Amino acid sequence: ISASPIPGNDKLISKVINELFRRGAEVIYDDLEE
């Protein structure tokens, strides 16, 4: 996920990231890697 959240979108992105992890995918986003 090569973008930072627009203010107000944090919850939407977290929901998607959690679901991707739940389904077994590897997820890289700005908090983990640049």
All heavy atoms as atom14 arrays in JSON, in Angstrom:
{
  "sequence": "ISASPIPGNDKLISKVINELFRRGAEVIYDDLEE",
  "atom14_mask": [
    [1, 1, 1, 1, 1, 1, 1, 1, 0, 0, 0, 0, 0, 0],
    [1, 1, 1, 1, 1, 1, 0, 0, 0, 0, 0, 0, 0, 0],
    [1, 1, 1, 1, 1, 0, 0, 0, 0, 0, 0, 0, 0, 0],
    [1, 1, 1, 1, 1, 1, 0, 0, 0, 0, 0, 0, 0, 0],
    [1, 1, 1, 1, 1, 1, 1, 0, 0, 0, 0, 0, 0, 0],
    [1, 1, 1, 1, 1, 1, 1, 1, 0, 0, 0, 0, 0, 0],
    [1, 1, 1, 1, 1, 1, 1, 0, 0, 0, 0, 0, 0, 0],
    [1, 1, 1, 1, 0, 0, 0, 0, 0, 0, 0, 0, 0, 0],
    [1, 1, 1, 1, 1, 1, 1, 1, 0, 0, 0, 0, 0, 0],
    [1, 1, 1, 1, 1, 1, 1, 1, 0, 0, 0, 0, 0, 0],
    [1, 1, 1, 1, 1, 1, 1, 1, 1, 0, 0, 0, 0, 0],
    [1, 1, 1, 1, 1, 1, 1, 1, 0, 0, 0, 0, 0, 0],
    [1, 1, 1, 1, 1, 1, 1, 1, 0, 0, 0, 0, 0, 0],
    [1, 1, 1, 1, 1, 1, 0, 0, 0, 0, 0, 0, 0, 0],
    [1, 1, 1, 1, 1, 1, 1, 1, 1, 0, 0, 0, 0, 0],
    [1, 1, 1, 1, 1, 1, 1, 0, 0, 0, 0, 0, 0, 0],
    [1, 1, 1, 1, 1, 1, 1, 1, 0, 0, 0, 0, 0, 0],
    [1, 1, 1, 1, 1, 1, 1, 1, 0, 0, 0, 0, 0, 0],
    [1, 1, 1, 1, 1, 1, 1, 1, 1, 0, 0, 0, 0, 0],
    [1, 1, 1, 1, 1, 1, 1, 1, 0, 0, 0, 0, 0, 0],
    [1, 1, 1, 1, 1, 1, 1, 1, 1, 1, 1, 0, 0, 0],
    [1, 1, 1, 1, 1, 1, 1, 1, 1, 1, 1, 0, 0, 0],
    [1, 1, 1, 1, 1, 1, 1, 1, 1, 1, 1, 0, 0, 0],
    [1, 1, 1, 1, 0, 0, 0, 0, 0, 0, 0, 0, 0, 0],
    [1, 1, 1, 1, 1, 0, 0, 0, 0, 0, 0, 0, 0, 0],
    [1, 1, 1, 1, 1, 1, 1, 1, 1, 0, 0, 0, 0, 0],
    [1, 1, 1, 1, 1, 1, 1, 0, 0, 0, 0, 0, 0, 0],
    [1, 1, 1, 1, 1, 1, 1, 1, 0, 0, 0, 0, 0, 0],
    [1, 1, 1, 1, 1, 1, 1, 1, 1, 1, 1, 1, 0, 0],
    [1, 1, 1, 1, 1, 1, 1, 1, 0, 0, 0, 0, 0, 0],
    [1, 1, 1, 1, 1, 1, 1, 1, 0, 0, 0, 0, 0, 0],
    [1, 1, 1, 1, 1, 1, 1, 1, 0, 0, 0, 0, 0, 0],
    [1, 1, 1, 1, 1, 1, 1, 1, 1, 0, 0, 0, 0, 0],
    [1, 1, 1, 1, 1, 1, 1, 1, 1, 0, 0, 0, 0, 0]
  ],
  "atom14_positions": [
    [[0.88, -1.18, 0.0], [0.0, 0.0, 0.0], [0.91, 1.22, 0.0], [1.45, 1.63, 1.03], [-0.96, -0.02, 1.2], [-1.84, -1.28, 1.1], [-1.82, 1.24, 1.23], [-2.78, -1.49, 2.24], [0.0, 0.0, 0.0], [0.0, 0.0, 0.0], [0.0, 0.0, 0.0], [0.0, 0.0, 0.0], [0.0, 0.0, 0.0], [0.0, 0.0, 0.0]],
    [[1.1, 1.78, -1.19], [2.08, 2.84, -1.42], [1.38, 4.2, -1.44], [1.32, 4.89, -2.46], [2.82, 2.58, -2.74], [3.86, 3.51, -2.91], [0.0, 0.0, 0.0], [0.0, 0.0, 0.0], [0.0, 0.0, 0.0], [0.0, 0.0, 0.0], [0.0, 0.0, 0.0], [0.0, 0.0, 0.0], [0.0, 0.0, 0.0], [0.0, 0.0, 0.0]],
    [[0.83, 4.56, -0.28], [0.14, 5.85, -0.13], [-0.05, 6.09, 1.36], [-0.07, 5.14, 2.14], [-1.2, 5.84, -0.85], [0.0, 0.0, 0.0], [0.0, 0.0, 0.0], [0.0, 0.0, 0.0], [0.0, 0.0, 0.0], [0.0, 0.0, 0.0], [0.0, 0.0, 0.0], [0.0, 0.0, 0.0], [0.0, 0.0, 0.0], [0.0, 0.0, 0.0]],
    [[-0.2, 7.34, 1.74], [-0.54, 7.64, 3.13], [-2.01, 8.03, 3.18], [-2.57, 8.5, 2.2], [0.34, 8.78, 3.66], [0.15, 9.94, 2.88], [0.0, 0.0, 0.0], [0.0, 0.0, 0.0], [0.0, 0.0, 0.0], [0.0, 0.0, 0.0], [0.0, 0.0, 0.0], [0.0, 0.0, 0.0], [0.0, 0.0, 0.0], [0.0, 0.0, 0.0]],
    [[-2.65, 7.8, 4.33], [-4.09, 8.07, 4.4], [-4.41, 9.56, 4.34], [-3.76, 10.37, 5.01], [-4.52, 7.47, 5.75], [-3.26, 7.36, 6.55], [-2.15, 7.2, 5.58], [0.0, 0.0, 0.0], [0.0, 0.0, 0.0], [0.0, 0.0, 0.0], [0.0, 0.0, 0.0], [0.0, 0.0, 0.0], [0.0, 0.0, 0.0], [0.0, 0.0, 0.0]],
    [[-5.39, 9.9, 3.52], [-5.96, 11.24, 3.56], [-6.68, 11.35, 4.91], [-7.28, 10.37, 5.37], [-6.95, 11.43, 2.38], [-6.18, 11.44, 1.06], [-7.74, 12.72, 2.53], [-7.06, 11.36, -0.16], [0.0, 0.0, 0.0], [0.0, 0.0, 0.0], [0.0, 0.0, 0.0], [0.0, 0.0, 0.0], [0.0, 0.0, 0.0], [0.0, 0.0, 0.0]],
    [[-6.61, 12.52, 5.6], [-7.28, 12.63, 6.9], [-8.72, 12.14, 6.86], [-9.5, 12.51, 5.98], [-7.22, 14.15, 7.17], [-6.01, 14.61, 6.46], [-5.9, 13.76, 5.23], [0.0, 0.0, 0.0], [0.0, 0.0, 0.0], [0.0, 0.0, 0.0], [0.0, 0.0, 0.0], [0.0, 0.0, 0.0], [0.0, 0.0, 0.0], [0.0, 0.0, 0.0]],
    [[-9.05, 11.23, 7.8], [-10.4, 10.67, 7.87], [-10.5, 9.27, 7.28], [-11.5, 8.57, 7.5], [0.0, 0.0, 0.0], [0.0, 0.0, 0.0], [0.0, 0.0, 0.0], [0.0, 0.0, 0.0], [0.0, 0.0, 0.0], [0.0, 0.0, 0.0], [0.0, 0.0, 0.0], [0.0, 0.0, 0.0], [0.0, 0.0, 0.0], [0.0, 0.0, 0.0]],
    [[-9.49, 8.85, 6.51], [-9.55, 7.53, 5.87], [-8.83, 6.43, 6.63], [-8.79, 5.29, 6.18], [-8.96, 7.61, 4.44], [-9.88, 8.35, 3.49], [-11.02, 8.64, 3.82], [-9.38, 8.66, 2.31], [0.0, 0.0, 0.0], [0.0, 0.0, 0.0], [0.0, 0.0, 0.0], [0.0, 0.0, 0.0], [0.0, 0.0, 0.0], [0.0, 0.0, 0.0]],
    [[-8.25, 6.77, 7.79], [-7.44, 5.79, 8.54], [-8.19, 4.5, 8.83], [-7.65, 3.4, 8.68], [-6.95, 6.41, 9.85], [-6.28, 7.76, 9.64], [-6.98, 8.69, 9.2], [-5.08, 7.88, 9.92], [0.0, 0.0, 0.0], [0.0, 0.0, 0.0], [0.0, 0.0, 0.0], [0.0, 0.0, 0.0], [0.0, 0.0, 0.0], [0.0, 0.0, 0.0]],
    [[-9.45, 4.62, 9.28], [-10.23, 3.43, 9.66], [-10.51, 2.55, 8.45], [-10.47, 1.33, 8.54], [-11.54, 3.85, 10.33], [-11.36, 4.35, 11.74], [-12.7, 4.66, 12.38], [-12.52, 5.17, 13.81], [-13.82, 5.54, 14.42], [0.0, 0.0, 0.0], [0.0, 0.0, 0.0], [0.0, 0.0, 0.0], [0.0, 0.0, 0.0], [0.0, 0.0, 0.0]],
    [[-10.8, 3.18, 7.32], [-11.09, 2.4, 6.1], [-9.87, 1.58, 5.69], [-9.97, 0.4, 5.35], [-11.48, 3.34, 4.95], [-12.83, 4.06, 5.05], [-12.97, 5.06, 3.91], [-13.98, 3.07, 5.02], [0.0, 0.0, 0.0], [0.0, 0.0, 0.0], [0.0, 0.0, 0.0], [0.0, 0.0, 0.0], [0.0, 0.0, 0.0], [0.0, 0.0, 0.0]],
    [[-8.69, 2.21, 5.74], [-7.47, 1.52, 5.33], [-7.14, 0.39, 6.31], [-6.8, -0.72, 5.9], [-6.29, 2.51, 5.24], [-6.56, 3.54, 4.14], [-4.98, 1.79, 4.95], [-5.6, 4.69, 4.13], [0.0, 0.0, 0.0], [0.0, 0.0, 0.0], [0.0, 0.0, 0.0], [0.0, 0.0, 0.0], [0.0, 0.0, 0.0], [0.0, 0.0, 0.0]],
    [[-7.28, 0.68, 7.62], [-7.01, -0.35, 8.63], [-7.9, -1.57, 8.42], [-7.45, -2.72, 8.55], [-7.25, 0.2, 10.03], [-6.27, 1.15, 10.35], [0.0, 0.0, 0.0], [0.0, 0.0, 0.0], [0.0, 0.0, 0.0], [0.0, 0.0, 0.0], [0.0, 0.0, 0.0], [0.0, 0.0, 0.0], [0.0, 0.0, 0.0], [0.0, 0.0, 0.0]],
    [[-9.15, -1.32, 8.08], [-10.1, -2.41, 7.85], [-9.63, -3.31, 6.7], [-9.67, -4.54, 6.78], [-11.48, -1.81, 7.54], [-12.63, -2.77, 7.6], [-13.93, -2.01, 7.4], [-15.1, -2.97, 7.35], [-16.37, -2.26, 7.04], [0.0, 0.0, 0.0], [0.0, 0.0, 0.0], [0.0, 0.0, 0.0], [0.0, 0.0, 0.0], [0.0, 0.0, 0.0]],
    [[-9.18, -2.68, 5.61], [-8.71, -3.44, 4.45], [-7.43, -4.21, 4.78], [-7.29, -5.39, 4.43], [-8.49, -2.49, 3.23], [-7.77, -3.21, 2.1], [-9.83, -1.95, 2.75], [0.0, 0.0, 0.0], [0.0, 0.0, 0.0], [0.0, 0.0, 0.0], [0.0, 0.0, 0.0], [0.0, 0.0, 0.0], [0.0, 0.0, 0.0], [0.0, 0.0, 0.0]],
    [[-6.48, -3.54, 5.46], [-5.22, -4.2, 5.82], [-5.48, -5.42, 6.71], [-4.92, -6.5, 6.5], [-4.26, -3.21, 6.52], [-3.76, -2.16, 5.52], [-3.08, -3.93, 7.16], [-2.98, -1.01, 6.14], [0.0, 0.0, 0.0], [0.0, 0.0, 0.0], [0.0, 0.0, 0.0], [0.0, 0.0, 0.0], [0.0, 0.0, 0.0], [0.0, 0.0, 0.0]],
    [[-6.36, -5.25, 7.7], [-6.68, -6.37, 8.59], [-7.27, -7.54, 7.82], [-6.95, -8.71, 8.09], [-7.66, -5.91, 9.67], [-7.0, -5.04, 10.72], [-5.82, -5.23, 11.02], [-7.73, -4.1, 11.29], [0.0, 0.0, 0.0], [0.0, 0.0, 0.0], [0.0, 0.0, 0.0], [0.0, 0.0, 0.0], [0.0, 0.0, 0.0], [0.0, 0.0, 0.0]],
    [[-8.14, -7.23, 6.86], [-8.79, -8.31, 6.1], [-7.77, -9.03, 5.2], [-7.83, -10.25, 5.04], [-9.93, -7.73, 5.25], [-10.88, -8.77, 4.69], [-11.6, -9.59, 5.75], [-11.8, -9.09, 6.87], [-11.93, -10.76, 5.45], [0.0, 0.0, 0.0], [0.0, 0.0, 0.0], [0.0, 0.0, 0.0], [0.0, 0.0, 0.0], [0.0, 0.0, 0.0]],
    [[-6.84, -8.28, 4.62], [-5.8, -8.91, 3.8], [-4.94, -9.85, 4.64], [-4.64, -10.98, 4.23], [-4.92, -7.83, 3.15], [-5.58, -6.98, 2.04], [-4.69, -5.8, 1.68], [-5.87, -7.83, 0.8], [0.0, 0.0, 0.0], [0.0, 0.0, 0.0], [0.0, 0.0, 0.0], [0.0, 0.0, 0.0], [0.0, 0.0, 0.0], [0.0, 0.0, 0.0]],
    [[-4.55, -9.39, 5.82], [-3.78, -10.26, 6.72], [-4.59, -11.5, 7.1], [-4.07, -12.62, 7.14], [-3.38, -9.51, 8.0], [-2.11, -8.71, 7.86], [-2.09, -7.35, 8.18], [-0.93, -9.3, 7.43], [-0.92, -6.61, 8.07], [0.25, -8.57, 7.32], [0.25, -7.21, 7.63], [0.0, 0.0, 0.0], [0.0, 0.0, 0.0], [0.0, 0.0, 0.0]],
    [[-5.88, -11.28, 7.39], [-6.75, -12.4, 7.81], [-6.81, -13.47, 6.74], [-6.95, -14.66, 7.02], [-8.14, -11.85, 8.13], [-9.07, -12.86, 8.78], [-10.4, -12.22, 9.18], [-10.25, -11.41, 10.38], [-10.45, -10.1, 10.44], [-10.8, -9.43, 9.35], [-10.29, -9.45, 11.56], [0.0, 0.0, 0.0], [0.0, 0.0, 0.0], [0.0, 0.0, 0.0]],
    [[-6.71, -13.06, 5.5], [-6.82, -14.02, 4.39], [-5.47, -14.56, 3.95], [-5.36, -15.2, 2.9], [-7.56, -13.37, 3.21], [-9.01, -13.06, 3.55], [-9.76, -12.42, 2.4], [-11.12, -12.1, 2.82], [-12.14, -12.94, 2.76], [-11.95, -14.17, 2.3], [-13.34, -12.58, 3.16], [0.0, 0.0, 0.0], [0.0, 0.0, 0.0], [0.0, 0.0, 0.0]],
    [[-4.43, -14.26, 4.73], [-3.14, -14.9, 4.5], [-2.17, -14.16, 3.61], [-1.11, -14.69, 3.27], [0.0, 0.0, 0.0], [0.0, 0.0, 0.0], [0.0, 0.0, 0.0], [0.0, 0.0, 0.0], [0.0, 0.0, 0.0], [0.0, 0.0, 0.0], [0.0, 0.0, 0.0], [0.0, 0.0, 0.0], [0.0, 0.0, 0.0], [0.0, 0.0, 0.0]],
    [[-2.49, -12.93, 3.24], [-1.57, -12.16, 2.37], [-0.49, -11.49, 3.21], [-0.67, -11.24, 4.41], [-2.35, -11.1, 1.59], [0.0, 0.0, 0.0], [0.0, 0.0, 0.0], [0.0, 0.0, 0.0], [0.0, 0.0, 0.0], [0.0, 0.0, 0.0], [0.0, 0.0, 0.0], [0.0, 0.0, 0.0], [0.0, 0.0, 0.0], [0.0, 0.0, 0.0]],
    [[0.62, -11.17, 2.58], [1.65, -10.35, 3.19], [1.35, -8.9, 2.81], [1.14, -8.6, 1.62], [3.03, -10.76, 2.66], [4.19, -10.03, 3.28], [4.4, -10.35, 4.75], [4.03, -11.47, 5.19], [4.89, -9.48, 5.47], [0.0, 0.0, 0.0], [0.0, 0.0, 0.0], [0.0, 0.0, 0.0], [0.0, 0.0, 0.0], [0.0, 0.0, 0.0]],
    [[1.27, -8.0, 3.79], [0.91, -6.61, 3.51], [2.02, -5.68, 3.98], [2.46, -5.74, 5.13], [-0.42, -6.22, 4.2], [-0.89, -4.85, 3.69], [-1.5, -7.27, 3.96], [0.0, 0.0, 0.0], [0.0, 0.0, 0.0], [0.0, 0.0, 0.0], [0.0, 0.0, 0.0], [0.0, 0.0, 0.0], [0.0, 0.0, 0.0], [0.0, 0.0, 0.0]],
    [[2.49, -4.84, 3.09], [3.52, -3.85, 3.4], [2.88, -2.47, 3.27], [2.27, -2.15, 2.24], [4.72, -3.95, 2.42], [5.24, -5.39, 2.35], [5.82, -2.98, 2.83], [5.82, -5.93, 3.63], [0.0, 0.0, 0.0], [0.0, 0.0, 0.0], [0.0, 0.0, 0.0], [0.0, 0.0, 0.0], [0.0, 0.0, 0.0], [0.0, 0.0, 0.0]],
    [[3.0, -1.67, 4.33], [2.45, -0.31, 4.26], [3.42, 0.63, 4.96], [4.44, 0.2, 5.53], [1.05, -0.24, 4.87], [0.91, -0.92, 6.22], [0.94, -0.2, 7.4], [0.75, -2.31, 6.29], [0.81, -0.81, 8.63], [0.62, -2.94, 7.52], [0.66, -2.19, 8.68], [0.54, -2.8, 9.9], [0.0, 0.0, 0.0], [0.0, 0.0, 0.0]],
    [[3.12, 1.92, 4.92], [4.11, 2.93, 5.26], [4.61, 2.85, 6.7], [5.73, 3.25, 6.99], [3.55, 4.33, 4.97], [4.64, 5.36, 4.68], [5.69, 4.95, 4.16], [4.44, 6.54, 4.98], [0.0, 0.0, 0.0], [0.0, 0.0, 0.0], [0.0, 0.0, 0.0], [0.0, 0.0, 0.0], [0.0, 0.0, 0.0], [0.0, 0.0, 0.0]],
    [[3.78, 2.33, 7.61], [4.23, 2.2, 9.0], [5.32, 1.13, 9.15], [6.09, 1.14, 10.11], [3.05, 1.84, 9.92], [2.1, 3.02, 10.08], [2.5, 4.15, 9.72], [0.96, 2.82, 10.54], [0.0, 0.0, 0.0], [0.0, 0.0, 0.0], [0.0, 0.0, 0.0], [0.0, 0.0, 0.0], [0.0, 0.0, 0.0], [0.0, 0.0, 0.0]],
    [[5.34, 0.17, 8.22], [6.31, -0.93, 8.3], [7.57, -0.65, 7.5], [8.69, -0.9, 7.95], [5.68, -2.23, 7.78], [4.48, -2.79, 8.56], [4.0, -4.07, 7.87], [4.86, -3.09, 10.0], [0.0, 0.0, 0.0], [0.0, 0.0, 0.0], [0.0, 0.0, 0.0], [0.0, 0.0, 0.0], [0.0, 0.0, 0.0], [0.0, 0.0, 0.0]],
    [[7.4, -0.19, 6.28], [8.52, 0.06, 5.37], [8.3, 1.4, 4.68], [7.17, 1.88, 4.55], [8.59, -1.04, 4.29], [8.77, -2.45, 4.83], [10.23, -2.8, 5.05], [11.08, -1.92, 4.82], [10.51, -3.93, 5.45], [0.0, 0.0, 0.0], [0.0, 0.0, 0.0], [0.0, 0.0, 0.0], [0.0, 0.0, 0.0], [0.0, 0.0, 0.0]],
    [[9.39, 1.98, 4.19], [9.26, 3.25, 3.46], [8.81, 2.97, 2.03], [9.63, 2.77, 1.13], [10.59, 4.0, 3.46], [10.43, 5.45, 3.01], [11.74, 6.22, 3.01], [12.78, 5.66, 3.39], [11.7, 7.4, 2.61], [0.0, 0.0, 0.0], [0.0, 0.0, 0.0], [0.0, 0.0, 0.0], [0.0, 0.0, 0.0], [0.0, 0.0, 0.0]]
  ]
}
